[in-house]
Amino acid sequence: MKITLMITNLIVCGFLAFAITLFFASGTIAENYTDKTFVAPEYFFILPIWFLGVILSWFYVYKRKIEHISYLEMIFINIFPWLSLFVGIFIIHFIL
């Protein structure tokens, strides 16, 4: 049950991370007055940051063994990839 919860969360989060990245990279109608598909390719930097969050959460589960993790702890583990997605968006908007 716990591993199914984690995999389902990562699939949904990954799909939304990819969709958000494509949306930001392609720009709005007002920004995309050229014939280019991606007017802001720096937004693709969100995906490696999200993937780093996924790797860190899987590493935590691997080290702790899934049987020994409580459901409350599992909720916090599942929140981590979502937080890394928003950290990536923050880095792109305000730092780079």
C-alpha atoms as a PDB file:
ATOM      1  CA  MET A   1       0.000   0.000   0.000  1.00  0.00           C
ATOM      2  CA  LYS A   2       2.747   2.486   0.898  1.00  0.00           C
ATOM      3  CA  ILE A   3       4.783   1.844  -2.231  1.00  0.00           C
ATOM      4  CA  THR A   4       1.642   2.192  -4.382  1.00  0.00           C
ATOM      5  CA  LEU A   5       0.902   5.511  -2.707  1.00  0.00           C
ATOM      6  CA  MET A   6       4.404   6.767  -3.382  1.00  0.00           C
ATOM      7  CA  ILE A   7       4.554   5.618  -7.015  1.00  0.00           C
ATOM      8  CA  THR A   8       1.116   7.084  -7.773  1.00  0.00           C
ATOM      9  CA  ASN A   9       2.127  10.387  -6.214  1.00  0.00           C
ATOM     10  CA  LEU A  10       5.350  10.496  -8.229  1.00  0.00           C
ATOM     11  CA  ILE A  11       3.519   9.753 -11.489  1.00  0.00           C
ATOM     12  CA  VAL A  12       0.964  12.518 -10.884  1.00  0.00           C
ATOM     13  CA  CYS A  13       3.617  14.955  -9.702  1.00  0.00           C
ATOM     14  CA  GLY A  14       5.881  14.085 -12.640  1.00  0.00           C
ATOM     15  CA  PHE A  15       3.094  14.612 -15.159  1.00  0.00           C
ATOM     16  CA  LEU A  16       2.268  18.007 -13.671  1.00  0.00           C
ATOM     17  CA  ALA A  17       5.950  18.963 -13.452  1.00  0.00           C
ATOM     18  CA  PHE A  18       6.375  18.182 -17.136  1.00  0.00           C
ATOM     19  CA  ALA A  19       3.168  20.049 -18.060  1.00  0.00           C
ATOM     20  CA  ILE A  20       4.102  23.130 -16.015  1.00  0.00           C
ATOM     21  CA  THR A  21       7.596  23.135 -17.491  1.00  0.00           C
ATOM     22  CA  LEU A  22       6.270  22.957 -21.044  1.00  0.00           C
ATOM     23  CA  PHE A  23       3.728  25.700 -20.334  1.00  0.00           C
ATOM     24  CA  PHE A  24       6.334  28.074 -18.906  1.00  0.00           C
ATOM     25  CA  ALA A  25       8.923  27.269 -21.588  1.00  0.00           C
ATOM     26  CA  SER A  26       6.525  27.840 -24.478  1.00  0.00           C
ATOM     27  CA  GLY A  27       5.377  31.174 -23.079  1.00  0.00           C
ATOM     28  CA  THR A  28       2.048  32.887 -23.478  1.00  0.00           C
ATOM     29  CA  ILE A  29       0.547  34.157 -26.696  1.00  0.00           C
ATOM     30  CA  ALA A  30       1.870  37.636 -25.929  1.00  0.00           C
ATOM     31  CA  GLU A  31       5.429  36.344 -25.458  1.00  0.00           C
ATOM     32  CA  ASN A  32       5.445  33.931 -28.379  1.00  0.00           C
ATOM     33  CA  TYR A  33       5.302  36.290 -31.336  1.00  0.00           C
ATOM     34  CA  THR A  34       8.012  34.302 -33.101  1.00  0.00           C
ATOM     35  CA  ASP A  35       7.698  30.905 -34.713  1.00  0.00           C
ATOM     36  CA  LYS A  36       9.809  29.274 -32.010  1.00  0.00           C
ATOM     37  CA  THR A  37       8.246  26.538 -29.913  1.00  0.00           C
ATOM     38  CA  PHE A  38      10.116  27.409 -26.720  1.00  0.00           C
ATOM     39  CA  VAL A  39      10.730  31.092 -26.108  1.00  0.00           C
ATOM     40  CA  ALA A  40      11.979  30.590 -22.536  1.00  0.00           C
ATOM     41  CA  PRO A  41      13.981  27.335 -22.464  1.00  0.00           C
ATOM     42  CA  GLU A  42      15.483  28.177 -19.060  1.00  0.00           C
ATOM     43  CA  TYR A  43      12.287  26.816 -17.518  1.00  0.00           C
ATOM     44  CA  PHE A  44      13.422  23.306 -18.405  1.00  0.00           C
ATOM     45  CA  PHE A  45      15.752  23.683 -15.407  1.00  0.00           C
ATOM     46  CA  ILE A  46      12.693  22.921 -13.252  1.00  0.00           C
ATOM     47  CA  LEU A  47      12.774  19.243 -14.274  1.00  0.00           C
ATOM     48  CA  PRO A  48      16.274  18.412 -12.924  1.00  0.00           C
ATOM     49  CA  ILE A  49      15.425  20.118  -9.628  1.00  0.00           C
ATOM     50  CA  TRP A  50      12.196  18.098  -9.410  1.00  0.00           C
ATOM     51  CA  PHE A  51      14.100  14.920 -10.279  1.00  0.00           C
ATOM     52  CA  LEU A  52      16.588  15.673  -7.495  1.00  0.00           C
ATOM     53  CA  GLY A  53      13.658  15.841  -5.069  1.00  0.00           C
ATOM     54  CA  VAL A  54      12.414  12.473  -6.341  1.00  0.00           C
ATOM     55  CA  ILE A  55      15.858  10.903  -5.935  1.00  0.00           C
ATOM     56  CA  LEU A  56      16.189  12.245  -2.382  1.00  0.00           C
ATOM     57  CA  SER A  57      12.775  10.925  -1.365  1.00  0.00           C
ATOM     58  CA  TRP A  58      13.484   7.500  -2.869  1.00  0.00           C
ATOM     59  CA  PHE A  59      16.880   7.450  -1.151  1.00  0.00           C
ATOM     60  CA  TYR A  60      15.189   8.150   2.183  1.00  0.00           C
ATOM     61  CA  VAL A  61      12.692   5.327   1.642  1.00  0.00           C
ATOM     62  CA  TYR A  62      15.477   2.977   0.553  1.00  0.00           C
ATOM     63  CA  LYS A  63      17.581   3.714   3.636  1.00  0.00           C
ATOM     64  CA  ARG A  64      14.691   3.461   6.116  1.00  0.00           C
ATOM     65  CA  LYS A  65      12.970   0.406   4.555  1.00  0.00           C
ATOM     66  CA  ILE A  66       9.361   0.921   3.502  1.00  0.00           C
ATOM     67  CA  GLU A  67       7.981  -1.401   6.217  1.00  0.00           C
ATOM     68  CA  HIS A  68       9.383   0.785   8.996  1.00  0.00           C
ATOM     69  CA  ILE A  69       7.942   4.068   7.714  1.00  0.00           C
ATOM     70  CA  SER A  70       4.703   5.296   9.289  1.00  0.00           C
ATOM     71  CA  TYR A  71       1.848   6.711   7.229  1.00  0.00           C
ATOM     72  CA  LEU A  72       2.391  10.194   8.639  1.00  0.00           C
ATOM     73  CA  GLU A  73       6.023  10.013   7.604  1.00  0.00           C
ATOM     74  CA  MET A  74       4.900   8.755   4.189  1.00  0.00           C
ATOM     75  CA  ILE A  75       2.774  11.873   3.745  1.00  0.00           C
ATOM     76  CA  PHE A  76       5.806  14.073   4.388  1.00  0.00           C
ATOM     77  CA  ILE A  77       7.863  11.999   1.945  1.00  0.00           C
ATOM     78  CA  ASN A  78       5.158  12.450  -0.701  1.00  0.00           C
ATOM     79  CA  ILE A  79       5.096  16.218  -0.153  1.00  0.00           C
ATOM     80  CA  PHE A  80       8.835  16.527  -0.857  1.00  0.00           C
ATOM     81  CA  PRO A  81       8.659  16.155  -4.703  1.00  0.00           C
ATOM     82  CA  TRP A  82       5.906  18.790  -4.783  1.00  0.00           C
ATOM     83  CA  LEU A  83       8.071  21.139  -2.747  1.00  0.00           C
ATOM     84  CA  SER A  84      11.035  20.561  -5.040  1.00  0.00           C
ATOM     85  CA  LEU A  85       8.819  21.488  -8.000  1.00  0.00           C
ATOM     86  CA  PHE A  86       7.968  24.834  -6.404  1.00  0.00           C
ATOM     87  CA  VAL A  87      11.595  25.368  -5.367  1.00  0.00           C
ATOM     88  CA  GLY A  88      12.569  24.927  -9.022  1.00  0.00           C
ATOM     89  CA  ILE A  89       9.966  27.478 -10.105  1.00  0.00           C
ATOM     90  CA  PHE A  90      11.206  29.883  -7.412  1.00  0.00           C
ATOM     91  CA  ILE A  91      14.827  29.485  -8.529  1.00  0.00           C
ATOM     92  CA  ILE A  92      13.947  30.141 -12.164  1.00  0.00           C
ATOM     93  CA  HIS A  93      11.807  33.198 -11.431  1.00  0.00           C
ATOM     94  CA  PHE A  94      13.859  34.959  -8.793  1.00  0.00           C
ATOM     95  CA  ILE A  95      17.444  33.727  -8.933  1.00  0.00           C
ATOM     96  CA  LEU A  96      18.317  32.976 -12.567  1.00  0.00           C
END
